Amino acid sequence: MVGSQKHAELSTNSPKPMRLFKLTFSTIFTRKAWVICLIAILLVPFVLPEISSASEKPILIQPARIQAAWATLMICSLFWGLYSAARLGESNAQSGTGEYFRTAGVSPTRQLLEIWLALFCFIVPMALIATGICLFAAMPSNPAEQEMWWVLNLQFLVLFLLVIGPLLALACSLASRFGGISGFGVTFFLWIYGLYGVGYLDNMLKLEANAALQAIWLYSPQYRFADLTQRLYFKTGALSADVFANMVLYFSAILAIHTGISRLTFRTSATA
């Protein structure tokens, strides 16, 4: 009888599976900001090419649609995605939610995972929609290019998710410790630098060698390699299996580094 009573008490006090995930998911869903991103990704690729200079030449409509689709996805992920991750991380630590779940037996690692997963569940459909627009609204008419088009778009999808996923976790964890502005600002800078800054730094090194800048460039995240928009625009073909595998390994290594940093910096309360 006593054993059964203790078992019943433990069962009552133990946290339900994925409670923080469900709470975070419902919070994001209720705020409705994701709806704006979804509408933008659905409409901008079709509206923008028609009102731009591309409308003067029908042959340019599809390339412009490709650029608009992926650019809109990146902008939404950059601003809404990273901002939401930082806001959720800060709120979890400052509001007492993280402390409550920790006392209920949910470890900090699991809390970070559930918060990240809830937000990632909104990012993935947006990425799939952008990919679908490129596949079905910008498919080359040449049958020989259509198989390549499927492969290239799927490669772009995989690389994009490998890049944005760790940044969301990093924004959340940094915000939980240093505040939302820091979490968003650091990851925002990291993405912009990895996408554009390293290219400018590379050009500078080609003009004049510098050991310090070379070291910075060498250890910088080369997010520009994950941007396959130009390959889609000019239809230069999919990445070879070896090149794509190396890129997946490279961004997986960055994922592992960011995961470690995220776990070390994430905290569940303002005083922890």
C-alpha atoms as a PDB file:
ATOM      1  CA  MET A   1       0.000   0.000   0.000  1.00  0.00           C
ATOM      2  CA  VAL A   2       2.765   2.420   0.984  1.00  0.00           C
ATOM      3  CA  GLY A   3       4.757   1.591  -2.157  1.00  0.00           C
ATOM      4  CA  SER A   4       1.717   2.091  -4.351  1.00  0.00           C
ATOM      5  CA  GLN A   5       0.992   5.453  -2.697  1.00  0.00           C
ATOM      6  CA  LYS A   6       4.553   6.700  -3.280  1.00  0.00           C
ATOM      7  CA  HIS A   7       4.442   5.547  -6.900  1.00  0.00           C
ATOM      8  CA  ALA A   8       1.192   7.429  -7.384  1.00  0.00           C
ATOM      9  CA  GLU A   9       2.701  10.595  -5.850  1.00  0.00           C
ATOM     10  CA  LEU A  10       5.737  10.405  -8.144  1.00  0.00           C
ATOM     11  CA  SER A  11       3.507   9.885 -11.157  1.00  0.00           C
ATOM     12  CA  THR A  12       1.431  12.921 -10.181  1.00  0.00           C
ATOM     13  CA  ASN A  13       4.442  15.188  -9.582  1.00  0.00           C
ATOM     14  CA  SER A  14       6.436  14.093 -12.633  1.00  0.00           C
ATOM     15  CA  PRO A  15       6.295  16.483 -15.595  1.00  0.00           C
ATOM     16  CA  LYS A  16       4.216  15.514 -18.598  1.00  0.00           C
ATOM     17  CA  PRO A  17       6.259  14.778 -21.724  1.00  0.00           C
ATOM     18  CA  MET A  18       7.136  17.837 -23.842  1.00  0.00           C
ATOM     19  CA  ARG A  19       5.133  20.264 -21.680  1.00  0.00           C
ATOM     20  CA  LEU A  20       7.584  23.094 -22.332  1.00  0.00           C
ATOM     21  CA  PHE A  21       7.527  22.331 -26.051  1.00  0.00           C
ATOM     22  CA  LYS A  22       3.728  22.541 -26.086  1.00  0.00           C
ATOM     23  CA  LEU A  23       3.750  25.750 -24.043  1.00  0.00           C
ATOM     24  CA  THR A  24       6.354  27.368 -26.302  1.00  0.00           C
ATOM     25  CA  PHE A  25       4.620  26.211 -29.469  1.00  0.00           C
ATOM     26  CA  SER A  26       1.277  27.607 -28.316  1.00  0.00           C
ATOM     27  CA  THR A  27       2.943  30.889 -27.298  1.00  0.00           C
ATOM     28  CA  ILE A  28       4.481  31.330 -30.746  1.00  0.00           C
ATOM     29  CA  PHE A  29       1.232  30.312 -32.416  1.00  0.00           C
ATOM     30  CA  THR A  30      -0.810  32.788 -30.345  1.00  0.00           C
ATOM     31  CA  ARG A  31       1.465  35.736 -31.130  1.00  0.00           C
ATOM     32  CA  LYS A  32       0.619  35.309 -34.852  1.00  0.00           C
ATOM     33  CA  ALA A  33       3.823  36.989 -36.098  1.00  0.00           C
ATOM     34  CA  TRP A  34       4.587  33.794 -38.002  1.00  0.00           C
ATOM     35  CA  VAL A  35       1.484  34.441 -40.119  1.00  0.00           C
ATOM     36  CA  ILE A  36       3.084  37.589 -41.552  1.00  0.00           C
ATOM     37  CA  CYS A  37       6.186  35.597 -42.493  1.00  0.00           C
ATOM     38  CA  LEU A  38       4.090  32.852 -44.048  1.00  0.00           C
ATOM     39  CA  ILE A  39       2.062  35.319 -46.136  1.00  0.00           C
ATOM     40  CA  ALA A  40       5.244  37.103 -47.222  1.00  0.00           C
ATOM     41  CA  ILE A  41       6.891  33.856 -48.352  1.00  0.00           C
ATOM     42  CA  LEU A  42       3.746  32.879 -50.263  1.00  0.00           C
ATOM     43  CA  LEU A  43       3.065  36.243 -51.940  1.00  0.00           C
ATOM     44  CA  VAL A  44       6.371  38.097 -52.419  1.00  0.00           C
ATOM     45  CA  PRO A  45       7.826  35.610 -54.972  1.00  0.00           C
ATOM     46  CA  PHE A  46       4.761  36.103 -57.174  1.00  0.00           C
ATOM     47  CA  VAL A  47       4.088  39.813 -56.637  1.00  0.00           C
ATOM     48  CA  LEU A  48       7.611  41.272 -56.610  1.00  0.00           C
ATOM     49  CA  PRO A  49       8.740  39.957 -60.044  1.00  0.00           C
ATOM     50  CA  GLU A  50       5.577  41.376 -61.640  1.00  0.00           C
ATOM     51  CA  ILE A  51       6.227  44.902 -60.383  1.00  0.00           C
ATOM     52  CA  SER A  52       9.996  44.865 -60.916  1.00  0.00           C
ATOM     53  CA  SER A  53      12.061  45.298 -64.068  1.00  0.00           C
ATOM     54  CA  ALA A  54      11.896  41.529 -64.586  1.00  0.00           C
ATOM     55  CA  SER A  55       8.331  41.933 -65.865  1.00  0.00           C
ATOM     56  CA  GLU A  56       9.710  43.565 -69.008  1.00  0.00           C
ATOM     57  CA  LYS A  57      11.305  40.265 -70.024  1.00  0.00           C
ATOM     58  CA  PRO A  58       9.216  37.146 -69.309  1.00  0.00           C
ATOM     59  CA  ILE A  59      12.358  35.013 -69.330  1.00  0.00           C
ATOM     60  CA  LEU A  60      13.497  36.803 -66.157  1.00  0.00           C
ATOM     61  CA  ILE A  61      10.313  36.155 -64.178  1.00  0.00           C
ATOM     62  CA  GLN A  62      11.317  32.707 -62.935  1.00  0.00           C
ATOM     63  CA  PRO A  63      14.855  33.693 -61.838  1.00  0.00           C
ATOM     64  CA  ALA A  64      13.410  36.724 -60.035  1.00  0.00           C
ATOM     65  CA  ARG A  65      10.853  34.468 -58.335  1.00  0.00           C
ATOM     66  CA  ILE A  66      13.642  32.192 -57.127  1.00  0.00           C
ATOM     67  CA  GLN A  67      15.580  35.082 -55.639  1.00  0.00           C
ATOM     68  CA  ALA A  68      12.460  36.524 -54.031  1.00  0.00           C
ATOM     69  CA  ALA A  69      11.451  33.189 -52.484  1.00  0.00           C
ATOM     70  CA  TRP A  70      14.772  32.459 -50.817  1.00  0.00           C
ATOM     71  CA  ALA A  71      15.475  36.090 -49.932  1.00  0.00           C
ATOM     72  CA  THR A  72      12.100  36.376 -48.188  1.00  0.00           C
ATOM     73  CA  LEU A  73      12.733  33.135 -46.293  1.00  0.00           C
ATOM     74  CA  MET A  74      16.161  34.336 -45.151  1.00  0.00           C
ATOM     75  CA  ILE A  75      14.839  37.728 -44.074  1.00  0.00           C
ATOM     76  CA  CYS A  76      11.995  36.136 -42.099  1.00  0.00           C
ATOM     77  CA  SER A  77      14.380  33.666 -40.474  1.00  0.00           C
ATOM     78  CA  LEU A  78      16.921  36.379 -39.762  1.00  0.00           C
ATOM     79  CA  PHE A  79      14.557  38.862 -38.145  1.00  0.00           C
ATOM     80  CA  TRP A  80      11.538  36.936 -36.897  1.00  0.00           C
ATOM     81  CA  GLY A  81      13.316  33.618 -36.265  1.00  0.00           C
ATOM     82  CA  LEU A  82      16.323  34.910 -34.347  1.00  0.00           C
ATOM     83  CA  TYR A  83      14.270  37.558 -32.533  1.00  0.00           C
ATOM     84  CA  SER A  84      11.712  34.961 -31.433  1.00  0.00           C
ATOM     85  CA  ALA A  85      14.458  32.611 -30.259  1.00  0.00           C
ATOM     86  CA  ALA A  86      16.069  35.384 -28.213  1.00  0.00           C
ATOM     87  CA  ARG A  87      12.733  36.480 -26.786  1.00  0.00           C
ATOM     88  CA  LEU A  88      11.811  32.931 -25.787  1.00  0.00           C
ATOM     89  CA  GLY A  89      15.185  32.309 -24.139  1.00  0.00           C
ATOM     90  CA  GLU A  90      15.039  35.529 -22.159  1.00  0.00           C
ATOM     91  CA  SER A  91      11.422  34.956 -21.120  1.00  0.00           C
ATOM     92  CA  ASN A  92      12.143  31.407 -19.995  1.00  0.00           C
ATOM     93  CA  ALA A  93      14.879  32.642 -17.656  1.00  0.00           C
ATOM     94  CA  GLN A  94      13.303  35.904 -16.469  1.00  0.00           C
ATOM     95  CA  SER A  95       9.679  34.826 -15.979  1.00  0.00           C
ATOM     96  CA  GLY A  96      10.413  31.851 -13.730  1.00  0.00           C
ATOM     97  CA  THR A  97       9.217  29.326 -16.303  1.00  0.00           C
ATOM     98  CA  GLY A  98      12.637  27.722 -16.577  1.00  0.00           C
ATOM     99  CA  GLU A  99      12.993  27.488 -12.800  1.00  0.00           C
ATOM    100  CA  TYR A 100       9.559  25.888 -12.526  1.00  0.00           C
ATOM    101  CA  PHE A 101      10.330  23.226 -15.104  1.00  0.00           C
ATOM    102  CA  ARG A 102      13.752  22.582 -13.567  1.00  0.00           C
ATOM    103  CA  THR A 103      12.182  21.908 -10.164  1.00  0.00           C
ATOM    104  CA  ALA A 104       9.700  19.649 -11.958  1.00  0.00           C
ATOM    105  CA  GLY A 105      12.584  17.544 -13.245  1.00  0.00           C
ATOM    106  CA  VAL A 106      13.150  19.021 -16.714  1.00  0.00           C
ATOM    107  CA  SER A 107      16.882  19.528 -17.174  1.00  0.00           C
ATOM    108  CA  PRO A 108      18.320  22.704 -18.772  1.00  0.00           C
ATOM    109  CA  THR A 109      19.426  20.658 -21.789  1.00  0.00           C
ATOM    110  CA  ARG A 110      15.919  19.376 -22.337  1.00  0.00           C
ATOM    111  CA  GLN A 111      14.441  22.844 -21.835  1.00  0.00           C
ATOM    112  CA  LEU A 112      16.717  24.292 -24.501  1.00  0.00           C
ATOM    113  CA  LEU A 113      15.863  21.427 -26.841  1.00  0.00           C
ATOM    114  CA  GLU A 114      12.113  21.832 -26.390  1.00  0.00           C
ATOM    115  CA  ILE A 115      12.190  25.608 -26.862  1.00  0.00           C
ATOM    116  CA  TRP A 116      14.342  25.225 -29.973  1.00  0.00           C
ATOM    117  CA  LEU A 117      12.166  22.450 -31.382  1.00  0.00           C
ATOM    118  CA  ALA A 118       8.983  24.497 -30.943  1.00  0.00           C
ATOM    119  CA  LEU A 119      10.426  27.379 -32.957  1.00  0.00           C
ATOM    120  CA  PHE A 120      12.041  25.079 -35.527  1.00  0.00           C
ATOM    121  CA  CYS A 121       8.604  23.583 -36.204  1.00  0.00           C
ATOM    122  CA  PHE A 122       7.608  26.988 -37.634  1.00  0.00           C
ATOM    123  CA  ILE A 123      10.815  27.516 -39.609  1.00  0.00           C
ATOM    124  CA  VAL A 124      10.721  24.163 -41.408  1.00  0.00           C
ATOM    125  CA  PRO A 125       7.315  24.689 -43.097  1.00  0.00           C
ATOM    126  CA  MET A 126       8.443  28.132 -44.279  1.00  0.00           C
ATOM    127  CA  ALA A 127      11.570  26.588 -45.802  1.00  0.00           C
ATOM    128  CA  LEU A 128       9.478  23.859 -47.437  1.00  0.00           C
ATOM    129  CA  ILE A 129       7.135  26.466 -48.944  1.00  0.00           C
ATOM    130  CA  ALA A 130      10.062  28.442 -50.399  1.00  0.00           C
ATOM    131  CA  THR A 131      11.480  25.220 -51.808  1.00  0.00           C
ATOM    132  CA  GLY A 132       8.074  24.262 -53.216  1.00  0.00           C
ATOM    133  CA  ILE A 133       7.738  27.629 -54.967  1.00  0.00           C
ATOM    134  CA  CYS A 134      11.099  27.093 -56.662  1.00  0.00           C
ATOM    135  CA  LEU A 135      10.171  23.529 -57.604  1.00  0.00           C
ATOM    136  CA  PHE A 136       6.685  24.094 -58.960  1.00  0.00           C
ATOM    137  CA  ALA A 137       6.578  27.787 -59.926  1.00  0.00           C
ATOM    138  CA  ALA A 138      10.094  28.143 -61.353  1.00  0.00           C
ATOM    139  CA  MET A 139      10.792  24.679 -62.769  1.00  0.00           C
ATOM    140  CA  PRO A 140      12.897  24.723 -65.968  1.00  0.00           C
ATOM    141  CA  SER A 141      10.973  23.728 -69.067  1.00  0.00           C
ATOM    142  CA  ASN A 142      13.853  21.605 -70.322  1.00  0.00           C
ATOM    143  CA  PRO A 143      13.208  17.993 -69.146  1.00  0.00           C
ATOM    144  CA  ALA A 144      16.959  17.401 -68.895  1.00  0.00           C
ATOM    145  CA  GLU A 145      17.238  20.136 -66.263  1.00  0.00           C
ATOM    146  CA  GLN A 146      14.254  19.116 -64.150  1.00  0.00           C
ATOM    147  CA  GLU A 147      15.964  16.280 -62.264  1.00  0.00           C
ATOM    148  CA  MET A 148      18.902  18.568 -61.503  1.00  0.00           C
ATOM    149  CA  TRP A 149      16.432  21.197 -60.281  1.00  0.00           C
ATOM    150  CA  TRP A 150      14.928  18.827 -57.721  1.00  0.00           C
ATOM    151  CA  VAL A 151      18.346  17.842 -56.405  1.00  0.00           C
ATOM    152  CA  LEU A 152      19.646  21.409 -56.212  1.00  0.00           C
ATOM    153  CA  ASN A 153      16.592  22.707 -54.354  1.00  0.00           C
ATOM    154  CA  LEU A 154      16.722  19.841 -51.856  1.00  0.00           C
ATOM    155  CA  GLN A 155      20.420  20.517 -51.309  1.00  0.00           C
ATOM    156  CA  PHE A 156      19.648  24.175 -50.654  1.00  0.00           C
ATOM    157  CA  LEU A 157      16.912  23.175 -48.193  1.00  0.00           C
ATOM    158  CA  VAL A 158      19.221  20.874 -46.225  1.00  0.00           C
ATOM    159  CA  LEU A 159      22.032  23.444 -46.039  1.00  0.00           C
ATOM    160  CA  PHE A 160      19.662  26.229 -45.009  1.00  0.00           C
ATOM    161  CA  LEU A 161      18.244  24.166 -42.133  1.00  0.00           C
ATOM    162  CA  LEU A 162      21.762  23.191 -41.040  1.00  0.00           C
ATOM    163  CA  VAL A 163      22.661  26.875 -40.833  1.00  0.00           C
ATOM    164  CA  ILE A 164      19.540  28.329 -39.226  1.00  0.00           C
ATOM    165  CA  GLY A 165      19.007  25.539 -36.675  1.00  0.00           C
ATOM    166  CA  PRO A 166      22.152  26.113 -34.567  1.00  0.00           C
ATOM    167  CA  LEU A 167      21.725  29.893 -34.766  1.00  0.00           C
ATOM    168  CA  LEU A 168      18.236  29.640 -33.256  1.00  0.00           C
ATOM    169  CA  ALA A 169      19.593  27.616 -30.328  1.00  0.00           C
ATOM    170  CA  LEU A 170      22.486  30.035 -29.884  1.00  0.00           C
ATOM    171  CA  ALA A 171      20.171  33.070 -29.877  1.00  0.00           C
ATOM    172  CA  CYS A 172      17.953  31.417 -27.269  1.00  0.00           C
ATOM    173  CA  SER A 173      20.813  30.441 -24.965  1.00  0.00           C
ATOM    174  CA  LEU A 174      22.673  33.762 -25.183  1.00  0.00           C
ATOM    175  CA  ALA A 175      19.438  35.634 -24.459  1.00  0.00           C
ATOM    176  CA  SER A 176      18.765  33.505 -21.396  1.00  0.00           C
ATOM    177  CA  ARG A 177      22.070  34.633 -19.895  1.00  0.00           C
ATOM    178  CA  PHE A 178      22.821  38.071 -21.350  1.00  0.00           C
ATOM    179  CA  GLY A 179      19.387  39.345 -22.420  1.00  0.00           C
ATOM    180  CA  GLY A 180      17.321  39.350 -25.586  1.00  0.00           C
ATOM    181  CA  ILE A 181      19.213  42.163 -27.310  1.00  0.00           C
ATOM    182  CA  SER A 182      22.520  40.331 -26.923  1.00  0.00           C
ATOM    183  CA  GLY A 183      21.056  37.018 -28.066  1.00  0.00           C
ATOM    184  CA  PHE A 184      19.535  38.528 -31.170  1.00  0.00           C
ATOM    185  CA  GLY A 185      22.402  40.917 -31.938  1.00  0.00           C
ATOM    186  CA  VAL A 186      25.205  38.359 -31.737  1.00  0.00           C
ATOM    187  CA  THR A 187      23.471  35.778 -33.925  1.00  0.00           C
ATOM    188  CA  PHE A 188      22.272  38.462 -36.363  1.00  0.00           C
ATOM    189  CA  PHE A 189      25.852  39.690 -36.778  1.00  0.00           C
ATOM    190  CA  LEU A 190      27.161  36.128 -37.050  1.00  0.00           C
ATOM    191  CA  TRP A 191      24.753  35.303 -39.889  1.00  0.00           C
ATOM    192  CA  ILE A 192      25.412  38.540 -41.816  1.00  0.00           C
ATOM    193  CA  TYR A 193      29.146  38.187 -41.322  1.00  0.00           C
ATOM    194  CA  GLY A 194      29.161  34.546 -42.412  1.00  0.00           C
ATOM    195  CA  LEU A 195      26.969  35.303 -45.418  1.00  0.00           C
ATOM    196  CA  TYR A 196      28.603  38.509 -46.671  1.00  0.00           C
ATOM    197  CA  GLY A 197      31.413  39.651 -44.388  1.00  0.00           C
ATOM    198  CA  VAL A 198      33.728  36.695 -44.984  1.00  0.00           C
ATOM    199  CA  GLY A 199      33.470  37.332 -48.732  1.00  0.00           C
ATOM    200  CA  TYR A 200      34.689  40.912 -48.331  1.00  0.00           C
ATOM    201  CA  LEU A 201      37.424  39.708 -46.002  1.00  0.00           C
ATOM    202  CA  ASP A 202      38.477  37.129 -48.595  1.00  0.00           C
ATOM    203  CA  ASN A 203      38.721  39.832 -51.261  1.00  0.00           C
ATOM    204  CA  MET A 204      40.847  41.967 -48.947  1.00  0.00           C
ATOM    205  CA  LEU A 205      43.235  39.063 -48.361  1.00  0.00           C
ATOM    206  CA  LYS A 206      43.572  38.514 -52.105  1.00  0.00           C
ATOM    207  CA  LEU A 207      44.722  42.105 -52.486  1.00  0.00           C
ATOM    208  CA  GLU A 208      47.034  42.167 -49.466  1.00  0.00           C
ATOM    209  CA  ALA A 209      48.090  39.287 -47.246  1.00  0.00           C
ATOM    210  CA  ASN A 210      47.650  39.697 -43.505  1.00  0.00           C
ATOM    211  CA  ALA A 211      48.326  36.927 -41.008  1.00  0.00           C
ATOM    212  CA  ALA A 212      45.807  38.157 -38.405  1.00  0.00           C
ATOM    213  CA  LEU A 213      43.004  38.616 -40.932  1.00  0.00           C
ATOM    214  CA  GLN A 214      43.881  35.266 -42.490  1.00  0.00           C
ATOM    215  CA  ALA A 215      43.417  33.564 -39.127  1.00  0.00           C
ATOM    216  CA  ILE A 216      40.090  35.325 -38.590  1.00  0.00           C
ATOM    217  CA  TRP A 217      38.915  34.301 -42.052  1.00  0.00           C
ATOM    218  CA  LEU A 218      40.044  30.724 -41.549  1.00  0.00           C
ATOM    219  CA  TYR A 219      37.990  30.243 -38.367  1.00  0.00           C
ATOM    220  CA  SER A 220      34.972  32.226 -39.545  1.00  0.00           C
ATOM    221  CA  PRO A 221      31.696  30.436 -40.347  1.00  0.00           C
ATOM    222  CA  GLN A 222      31.438  30.328 -44.137  1.00  0.00           C
ATOM    223  CA  TYR A 223      27.662  30.591 -44.390  1.00  0.00           C
ATOM    224  CA  ARG A 224      28.012  31.971 -47.918  1.00  0.00           C
ATOM    225  CA  PHE A 225      28.699  28.434 -49.133  1.00  0.00           C
ATOM    226  CA  ALA A 226      25.186  27.418 -48.054  1.00  0.00           C
ATOM    227  CA  ASP A 227      23.593  30.107 -50.240  1.00  0.00           C
ATOM    228  CA  LEU A 228      22.867  28.359 -53.539  1.00  0.00           C
ATOM    229  CA  THR A 229      20.678  31.139 -54.925  1.00  0.00           C
ATOM    230  CA  GLN A 230      23.133  31.961 -57.716  1.00  0.00           C
ATOM    231  CA  ARG A 231      23.262  28.322 -58.800  1.00  0.00           C
ATOM    232  CA  LEU A 232      19.476  28.353 -59.034  1.00  0.00           C
ATOM    233  CA  TYR A 233      19.401  31.700 -60.809  1.00  0.00           C
ATOM    234  CA  PHE A 234      21.900  30.711 -63.486  1.00  0.00           C
ATOM    235  CA  LYS A 235      20.935  27.001 -63.536  1.00  0.00           C
ATOM    236  CA  THR A 236      24.540  25.905 -63.139  1.00  0.00           C
ATOM    237  CA  GLY A 237      23.511  22.509 -61.812  1.00  0.00           C
ATOM    238  CA  ALA A 238      23.398  20.685 -58.514  1.00  0.00           C
ATOM    239  CA  LEU A 239      26.405  20.204 -56.277  1.00  0.00           C
ATOM    240  CA  SER A 240      28.303  16.986 -56.808  1.00  0.00           C
ATOM    241  CA  ALA A 241      27.827  14.293 -54.181  1.00  0.00           C
ATOM    242  CA  ASP A 242      31.349  14.784 -52.795  1.00  0.00           C
ATOM    243  CA  VAL A 243      31.057  18.567 -52.538  1.00  0.00           C
ATOM    244  CA  PHE A 244      27.613  18.372 -50.943  1.00  0.00           C
ATOM    245  CA  ALA A 245      28.782  15.742 -48.440  1.00  0.00           C
ATOM    246  CA  ASN A 246      31.753  17.920 -47.465  1.00  0.00           C
ATOM    247  CA  MET A 247      29.475  20.929 -46.987  1.00  0.00           C
ATOM    248  CA  VAL A 248      27.103  18.892 -44.832  1.00  0.00           C
ATOM    249  CA  LEU A 249      30.038  17.748 -42.703  1.00  0.00           C
ATOM    250  CA  TYR A 250      31.349  21.305 -42.430  1.00  0.00           C
ATOM    251  CA  PHE A 251      28.038  22.771 -41.299  1.00  0.00           C
ATOM    252  CA  SER A 252      27.440  19.782 -39.034  1.00  0.00           C
ATOM    253  CA  ALA A 253      30.737  20.601 -37.308  1.00  0.00           C
ATOM    254  CA  ILE A 254      29.541  24.202 -36.834  1.00  0.00           C
ATOM    255  CA  LEU A 255      26.287  22.785 -35.495  1.00  0.00           C
ATOM    256  CA  ALA A 256      28.200  20.746 -32.931  1.00  0.00           C
ATOM    257  CA  ILE A 257      30.237  23.789 -31.835  1.00  0.00           C
ATOM    258  CA  HIS A 258      27.157  25.983 -31.523  1.00  0.00           C
ATOM    259  CA  THR A 259      25.324  23.238 -29.658  1.00  0.00           C
ATOM    260  CA  GLY A 260      28.119  23.055 -27.101  1.00  0.00           C
ATOM    261  CA  ILE A 261      28.248  26.833 -26.678  1.00  0.00           C
ATOM    262  CA  SER A 262      24.460  26.992 -26.435  1.00  0.00           C
ATOM    263  CA  ARG A 263      24.345  24.404 -23.692  1.00  0.00           C
ATOM    264  CA  LEU A 264      27.124  26.085 -21.715  1.00  0.00           C
ATOM    265  CA  THR A 265      25.510  29.527 -21.854  1.00  0.00           C
ATOM    266  CA  PHE A 266      21.856  28.504 -21.453  1.00  0.00           C
ATOM    267  CA  ARG A 267      20.371  29.014 -18.011  1.00  0.00           C
ATOM    268  CA  THR A 268      16.894  28.468 -16.654  1.00  0.00           C
ATOM    269  CA  SER A 269      16.685  31.403 -14.242  1.00  0.00           C
ATOM    270  CA  ALA A 270      18.037  34.901 -13.921  1.00  0.00           C
ATOM    271  CA  THR A 271      20.111  33.973 -10.885  1.00  0.00           C
ATOM    272  CA  ALA A 272      21.287  30.499 -11.922  1.00  0.00           C
END
